[in-house]
Amino acid sequence: MKEIYLIKDLARFSGHTIYTVKYYLNLGLIKEIGRSPETNFRYFDNTTLEQLQRIRALRKENKSLAEIQEIIG
């Protein structure tokens, strides 16, 4: 079964702040899989969580966000 996360869950599980997750969304480093029509909450899956963990690892290697965008594609 596919796990579905909200931004707060992604932040908690990835070690990023909610602000950072939203920033990465705006940069296009991660993508939502959908939105709730009632609440407009964004939904994310395991792929997004893995992407955030990869971004965190690359940032620990002192990669810039521009470099990370090139790596992630």
N, C-alpha and C. Protein backbone atom coordinates (compact mmCIF):
# COMPACT_ATOMS: atom_id res chain seq x y z
N MET A 1 0.84 -1.19 0.00
CA MET A 1 0.00 0.00 0.00
C MET A 1 0.88 1.25 0.00
N LYS A 2 0.46 2.23 -0.74
CA LYS A 2 1.21 3.47 -0.88
C LYS A 2 0.95 4.39 0.31
N GLU A 3 2.03 4.88 0.91
CA GLU A 3 1.91 5.84 2.01
C GLU A 3 1.64 7.23 1.44
N ILE A 4 0.78 7.97 2.10
CA ILE A 4 0.47 9.34 1.72
C ILE A 4 0.86 10.24 2.89
N TYR A 5 1.56 11.34 2.57
CA TYR A 5 2.06 12.25 3.59
C TYR A 5 1.56 13.67 3.34
N LEU A 6 1.44 14.42 4.42
CA LEU A 6 1.24 15.86 4.35
C LEU A 6 2.60 16.52 4.53
N ILE A 7 2.68 17.82 4.30
CA ILE A 7 3.95 18.54 4.44
C ILE A 7 4.55 18.34 5.83
N LYS A 8 3.72 18.41 6.86
CA LYS A 8 4.24 18.27 8.22
C LYS A 8 4.87 16.89 8.43
N ASP A 9 4.29 15.86 7.81
CA ASP A 9 4.85 14.51 7.91
C ASP A 9 6.19 14.42 7.19
N LEU A 10 6.25 14.99 5.98
CA LEU A 10 7.50 14.99 5.23
C LEU A 10 8.60 15.68 6.03
N ALA A 11 8.26 16.81 6.62
CA ALA A 11 9.25 17.55 7.40
C ALA A 11 9.75 16.70 8.57
N ARG A 12 8.84 16.09 9.27
CA ARG A 12 9.22 15.28 10.43
C ARG A 12 10.08 14.08 10.04
N PHE A 13 9.68 13.36 9.01
CA PHE A 13 10.39 12.14 8.62
C PHE A 13 11.71 12.42 7.89
N SER A 14 11.81 13.57 7.22
CA SER A 14 13.03 13.87 6.46
C SER A 14 14.04 14.70 7.24
N GLY A 15 13.59 15.33 8.32
CA GLY A 15 14.49 16.17 9.10
C GLY A 15 14.56 17.61 8.60
N HIS A 16 13.75 17.95 7.61
CA HIS A 16 13.68 19.32 7.10
C HIS A 16 12.57 20.06 7.84
N THR A 17 12.62 21.39 7.77
CA THR A 17 11.52 22.18 8.32
C THR A 17 10.40 22.25 7.28
N ILE A 18 9.21 22.61 7.74
CA ILE A 18 8.08 22.79 6.82
C ILE A 18 8.42 23.88 5.81
N TYR A 19 9.05 24.95 6.28
CA TYR A 19 9.45 26.05 5.40
C TYR A 19 10.37 25.54 4.29
N THR A 20 11.33 24.70 4.64
CA THR A 20 12.27 24.16 3.66
C THR A 20 11.56 23.27 2.64
N VAL A 21 10.64 22.44 3.11
CA VAL A 21 9.88 21.58 2.19
C VAL A 21 9.11 22.45 1.19
N LYS A 22 8.48 23.52 1.67
CA LYS A 22 7.74 24.41 0.77
C LYS A 22 8.69 25.11 -0.21
N TYR A 23 9.87 25.48 0.28
CA TYR A 23 10.87 26.12 -0.58
C TYR A 23 11.30 25.17 -1.69
N TYR A 24 11.56 23.92 -1.35
CA TYR A 24 11.95 22.93 -2.36
C TYR A 24 10.81 22.69 -3.35
N LEU A 25 9.57 22.76 -2.89
CA LEU A 25 8.42 22.67 -3.79
C LEU A 25 8.45 23.81 -4.80
N ASN A 26 8.68 25.03 -4.31
CA ASN A 26 8.71 26.21 -5.18
C ASN A 26 9.85 26.13 -6.19
N LEU A 27 10.98 25.52 -5.79
CA LEU A 27 12.12 25.37 -6.69
C LEU A 27 11.92 24.24 -7.70
N GLY A 28 10.95 23.38 -7.42
CA GLY A 28 10.71 22.24 -8.31
C GLY A 28 11.56 21.02 -7.99
N LEU A 29 12.21 21.02 -6.83
CA LEU A 29 13.03 19.86 -6.44
C LEU A 29 12.17 18.67 -6.04
N ILE A 30 10.98 18.95 -5.53
CA ILE A 30 10.02 17.89 -5.19
C ILE A 30 8.66 18.29 -5.76
N LYS A 31 7.79 17.31 -5.88
CA LYS A 31 6.46 17.57 -6.43
C LYS A 31 5.39 16.90 -5.57
N GLU A 32 4.25 17.54 -5.49
CA GLU A 32 3.11 16.93 -4.80
C GLU A 32 2.44 15.94 -5.74
N ILE A 33 1.74 14.97 -5.16
CA ILE A 33 1.02 14.00 -5.99
C ILE A 33 -0.45 14.37 -6.12
N GLY A 34 -0.88 15.36 -5.33
CA GLY A 34 -2.27 15.80 -5.40
C GLY A 34 -2.60 16.76 -4.28
N ARG A 35 -3.85 17.22 -4.30
CA ARG A 35 -4.35 18.13 -3.26
C ARG A 35 -5.74 17.70 -2.84
N SER A 36 -6.04 18.00 -1.59
CA SER A 36 -7.38 17.75 -1.08
C SER A 36 -8.31 18.84 -1.61
N PRO A 37 -9.43 18.46 -2.23
CA PRO A 37 -10.36 19.48 -2.72
C PRO A 37 -11.02 20.27 -1.59
N GLU A 38 -11.18 19.64 -0.43
CA GLU A 38 -11.84 20.32 0.69
C GLU A 38 -10.90 21.27 1.43
N THR A 39 -9.68 20.81 1.71
CA THR A 39 -8.76 21.59 2.54
C THR A 39 -7.62 22.23 1.77
N ASN A 40 -7.41 21.81 0.52
CA ASN A 40 -6.31 22.27 -0.32
C ASN A 40 -4.95 21.81 0.22
N PHE A 41 -4.93 20.84 1.14
CA PHE A 41 -3.67 20.28 1.63
C PHE A 41 -2.99 19.54 0.49
N ARG A 42 -1.66 19.65 0.46
CA ARG A 42 -0.88 18.91 -0.54
C ARG A 42 -0.62 17.50 -0.04
N TYR A 43 -0.60 16.55 -0.97
CA TYR A 43 -0.29 15.16 -0.65
C TYR A 43 1.01 14.75 -1.33
N PHE A 44 1.77 13.91 -0.64
CA PHE A 44 3.06 13.43 -1.13
C PHE A 44 3.16 11.94 -0.88
N ASP A 45 4.09 11.28 -1.59
CA ASP A 45 4.26 9.84 -1.42
C ASP A 45 5.69 9.50 -1.00
N ASN A 46 6.00 8.20 -0.95
CA ASN A 46 7.33 7.75 -0.53
C ASN A 46 8.43 8.26 -1.44
N THR A 47 8.13 8.42 -2.71
CA THR A 47 9.12 8.92 -3.65
C THR A 47 9.59 10.32 -3.24
N THR A 48 8.65 11.14 -2.82
CA THR A 48 8.99 12.50 -2.37
C THR A 48 9.83 12.45 -1.11
N LEU A 49 9.48 11.58 -0.18
CA LEU A 49 10.25 11.43 1.05
C LEU A 49 11.68 10.99 0.72
N GLU A 50 11.83 10.03 -0.18
CA GLU A 50 13.16 9.58 -0.59
C GLU A 50 13.94 10.71 -1.25
N GLN A 51 13.25 11.52 -2.05
CA GLN A 51 13.89 12.66 -2.71
C GLN A 51 14.41 13.65 -1.68
N LEU A 52 13.61 13.93 -0.65
CA LEU A 52 14.04 14.84 0.40
C LEU A 52 15.24 14.29 1.16
N GLN A 53 15.26 12.99 1.40
CA GLN A 53 16.40 12.38 2.07
C GLN A 53 17.65 12.47 1.20
N ARG A 54 17.47 12.32 -0.10
CA ARG A 54 18.61 12.45 -1.02
C ARG A 54 19.11 13.89 -1.04
N ILE A 55 18.20 14.85 -1.07
CA ILE A 55 18.59 16.27 -1.04
C ILE A 55 19.36 16.56 0.24
N ARG A 56 18.91 16.03 1.36
CA ARG A 56 19.58 16.24 2.64
C ARG A 56 21.01 15.70 2.59
N ALA A 57 21.18 14.51 2.02
CA ALA A 57 22.51 13.91 1.90
C ALA A 57 23.42 14.76 1.00
N LEU A 58 22.87 15.25 -0.09
CA LEU A 58 23.66 16.09 -1.01
C LEU A 58 24.03 17.42 -0.36
N ARG A 59 23.13 17.98 0.43
CA ARG A 59 23.44 19.23 1.14
C ARG A 59 24.55 19.00 2.17
N LYS A 60 24.57 17.82 2.79
CA LYS A 60 25.65 17.49 3.73
C LYS A 60 26.99 17.38 3.02
N GLU A 61 26.96 17.09 1.72
CA GLU A 61 28.18 17.05 0.90
C GLU A 61 28.53 18.44 0.37
N ASN A 62 27.84 19.46 0.89
CA ASN A 62 28.05 20.86 0.52
C ASN A 62 27.70 21.17 -0.93
N LYS A 63 26.75 20.44 -1.48
CA LYS A 63 26.26 20.74 -2.83
C LYS A 63 25.28 21.91 -2.74
N SER A 64 25.37 22.81 -3.71
CA SER A 64 24.43 23.93 -3.77
C SER A 64 23.09 23.43 -4.31
N LEU A 65 22.05 24.23 -4.13
CA LEU A 65 20.74 23.84 -4.65
C LEU A 65 20.76 23.77 -6.18
N ALA A 66 21.55 24.63 -6.82
CA ALA A 66 21.68 24.57 -8.28
C ALA A 66 22.32 23.24 -8.70
N GLU A 67 23.35 22.82 -7.97
CA GLU A 67 23.99 21.54 -8.28
C GLU A 67 23.03 20.38 -8.05
N ILE A 68 22.25 20.47 -6.98
CA ILE A 68 21.28 19.42 -6.67
C ILE A 68 20.22 19.34 -7.76
N GLN A 69 19.78 20.49 -8.27
CA GLN A 69 18.80 20.49 -9.36
C GLN A 69 19.36 19.77 -10.59
N GLU A 70 20.64 19.98 -10.87
CA GLU A 70 21.27 19.31 -12.01
C GLU A 70 21.37 17.81 -11.77
N ILE A 71 21.73 17.42 -10.55
CA ILE A 71 21.89 16.00 -10.21
C ILE A 71 20.54 15.28 -10.28
N ILE A 72 19.53 15.91 -9.68
CA ILE A 72 18.21 15.28 -9.62
C ILE A 72 17.54 15.29 -10.98
N GLY A 73 17.79 16.36 -11.72
CA GLY A 73 17.24 16.43 -13.08
C GLY A 73 15.88 16.91 -13.09
